[in-house]
Amino acid sequence: MRNKRWLRATLAAVLLCACLALPGCRAPSRGGATVLLDGKPLQEAADPSQDAGGLRVYITLDGAPLVDLPFGEAHTVSVRQPDGEENVVRLTGDAVYMESANCENQDCVEMGEVTRDNLELRVMGGFIICLPHKLSVEVRGE
């Protein structure tokens, strides 16, 4: 059963990444999402600028950039969409993972942590994707 869920999550994420790479394939952006960084609206939060050895965490919603943070900092990012969809992404300074999501399948939560050590070894590389909410988290070099 676990292997089927893993395979389903992997295939869904690959399809989403492939679709977002095609010109004109993006679905319309879901405006109105509320992004909280450490419990504060993103605009009010301090602008983190610490270098994390070149790694950064990019969070996108429906292909549109939402958050760009250094990998080496500890933060909690909450994304709340107008239709009630919500994801919480946790950065610990050493890892990034989807802490919670209110989607039915929870595949994004089960994708586990992205760390410096497993970045190249994970099937999904630096990606964590919540396909039902069209939210992606990517750890990559600058």
Protein backbone atom coordinates (compact mmCIF):
# COMPACT_ATOMS: atom_id res chain seq x y z
CA MET A 1 0.00 0.00 0.00
CA ARG A 2 2.80 2.41 0.90
CA ASN A 3 4.54 1.78 -2.42
CA LYS A 4 1.35 2.61 -4.33
CA ARG A 5 0.95 5.92 -2.47
CA TRP A 6 4.59 6.78 -3.10
CA LEU A 7 4.28 5.94 -6.78
CA ARG A 8 1.05 7.96 -7.10
CA ALA A 9 2.63 10.99 -5.38
CA THR A 10 5.75 10.74 -7.54
CA LEU A 11 3.81 10.47 -10.79
CA ALA A 12 1.51 13.35 -9.84
CA ALA A 13 4.46 15.56 -8.97
CA VAL A 14 6.28 14.72 -12.21
CA LEU A 15 3.17 15.55 -14.22
CA LEU A 16 2.73 18.86 -12.39
CA CYS A 17 6.38 19.81 -12.96
CA ALA A 18 6.14 18.89 -16.64
CA CYS A 19 2.96 20.90 -17.07
CA LEU A 20 4.39 23.98 -15.36
CA ALA A 21 7.41 23.84 -17.66
CA LEU A 22 5.27 24.13 -20.80
CA PRO A 23 4.47 27.64 -22.03
CA GLY A 24 0.84 28.55 -21.54
CA CYS A 25 0.12 25.45 -19.46
CA ARG A 26 -0.20 27.23 -16.12
CA ALA A 27 -3.63 27.45 -14.64
CA PRO A 28 -4.75 30.94 -13.64
CA SER A 29 -3.14 32.15 -10.43
CA ARG A 30 -5.25 31.83 -7.32
CA GLY A 31 -5.19 35.39 -6.09
CA GLY A 32 -6.03 36.21 -2.54
CA ALA A 33 -3.90 33.60 -0.78
CA THR A 34 -2.69 34.67 2.64
CA VAL A 35 0.95 33.87 3.34
CA LEU A 36 2.17 33.94 6.94
CA LEU A 37 5.86 33.80 7.82
CA ASP A 38 6.32 32.84 11.46
CA GLY A 39 2.73 33.87 12.16
CA LYS A 40 2.97 37.32 10.56
CA PRO A 41 1.77 38.40 7.12
CA LEU A 42 4.65 38.07 4.71
CA GLN A 43 4.82 41.83 4.05
CA GLU A 44 5.33 42.56 7.77
CA ALA A 45 7.90 39.85 8.37
CA ALA A 46 11.60 40.62 8.45
CA ASP A 47 13.35 40.03 5.13
CA PRO A 48 15.65 37.06 5.76
CA SER A 49 18.90 37.40 3.89
CA GLN A 50 21.27 34.89 5.49
CA ASP A 51 23.29 32.87 2.99
CA ALA A 52 22.72 29.13 3.41
CA GLY A 53 25.57 27.84 1.30
CA GLY A 54 23.73 28.80 -1.87
CA LEU A 55 20.57 26.79 -1.15
CA ARG A 56 17.19 28.52 -1.13
CA VAL A 57 13.61 27.45 -0.54
CA TYR A 58 11.08 28.55 -3.15
CA ILE A 59 7.35 28.16 -2.54
CA THR A 60 4.98 28.63 -5.45
CA LEU A 61 1.20 28.52 -5.74
CA ASP A 62 -0.26 27.58 -9.08
CA GLY A 63 3.14 28.32 -10.64
CA ALA A 64 3.30 31.86 -9.21
CA PRO A 65 6.14 32.63 -6.75
CA LEU A 66 5.06 33.21 -3.15
CA VAL A 67 8.13 32.86 -0.92
CA ASP A 68 11.90 32.79 -1.39
CA LEU A 69 13.90 32.02 1.78
CA PRO A 70 17.43 30.89 2.63
CA PHE A 71 17.53 27.16 3.37
CA GLY A 72 19.57 27.55 6.56
CA GLU A 73 17.01 29.56 8.55
CA ALA A 74 14.22 28.26 10.77
CA HIS A 75 10.74 29.44 9.74
CA THR A 76 7.14 28.35 9.50
CA VAL A 77 5.30 29.35 6.34
CA SER A 78 1.50 29.05 6.26
CA VAL A 79 -0.37 29.42 2.98
CA ARG A 80 -4.12 29.89 3.30
CA GLN A 81 -6.19 30.07 0.13
CA PRO A 82 -9.62 31.75 -0.07
CA ASP A 83 -11.36 28.40 -0.62
CA GLY A 84 -10.04 27.08 2.71
CA GLU A 85 -7.08 25.10 1.38
CA GLU A 86 -4.13 25.38 3.77
CA ASN A 87 -0.54 24.16 3.85
CA VAL A 88 2.13 24.65 6.51
CA VAL A 89 5.78 24.35 5.45
CA ARG A 90 8.45 24.05 8.15
CA LEU A 91 12.07 25.09 7.68
CA THR A 92 14.29 23.90 10.54
CA GLY A 93 17.61 25.27 9.36
CA ASP A 94 18.71 21.74 8.41
CA ALA A 95 15.60 20.47 6.61
CA VAL A 96 12.38 21.52 4.90
CA TYR A 97 9.14 19.53 5.06
CA MET A 98 5.38 19.90 4.69
CA GLU A 99 4.22 19.94 8.28
CA SER A 100 0.51 19.82 7.47
CA ALA A 101 -2.03 20.19 4.71
CA ASN A 102 -5.80 19.90 4.74
CA CYS A 103 -5.91 17.98 1.45
CA GLU A 104 -7.43 14.50 1.48
CA ASN A 105 -4.50 12.39 0.32
CA GLN A 106 -1.66 13.84 2.48
CA ASP A 107 0.93 12.79 -0.13
CA CYS A 108 2.80 16.07 0.35
CA VAL A 109 3.14 15.47 4.10
CA GLU A 110 4.36 11.92 3.46
CA MET A 111 7.08 13.10 1.04
CA GLY A 112 9.27 13.71 4.08
CA GLU A 113 12.16 16.08 4.60
CA VAL A 114 14.46 17.66 2.08
CA THR A 115 17.93 18.01 3.58
CA ARG A 116 21.33 18.96 2.25
CA ASP A 117 22.34 15.28 2.45
CA ASN A 118 19.32 13.80 0.65
CA LEU A 119 18.69 16.56 -1.89
CA GLU A 120 20.29 14.63 -4.75
CA LEU A 121 19.11 11.20 -3.55
CA ARG A 122 15.35 11.75 -3.26
CA VAL A 123 13.18 10.60 -6.13
CA MET A 124 11.58 14.06 -6.13
CA GLY A 125 14.90 15.85 -5.71
CA GLY A 126 14.30 19.11 -3.86
CA PHE A 127 10.54 19.15 -4.50
CA ILE A 128 7.62 18.70 -2.15
CA ILE A 129 4.32 19.10 -3.99
CA CYS A 130 0.72 19.33 -2.83
CA LEU A 131 -1.04 18.55 -6.08
CA PRO A 132 -4.64 19.17 -4.87
CA HIS A 133 -3.66 22.66 -3.63
CA LYS A 134 -1.26 23.36 -6.54
CA LEU A 135 1.45 24.32 -4.04
CA SER A 136 5.08 23.38 -4.51
CA VAL A 137 8.15 23.72 -2.34
CA GLU A 138 11.56 23.48 -3.96
CA VAL A 139 15.04 23.51 -2.45
CA ARG A 140 17.64 24.49 -5.01
CA GLY A 141 20.88 26.39 -5.46
CA GLU A 142 20.78 30.09 -6.25
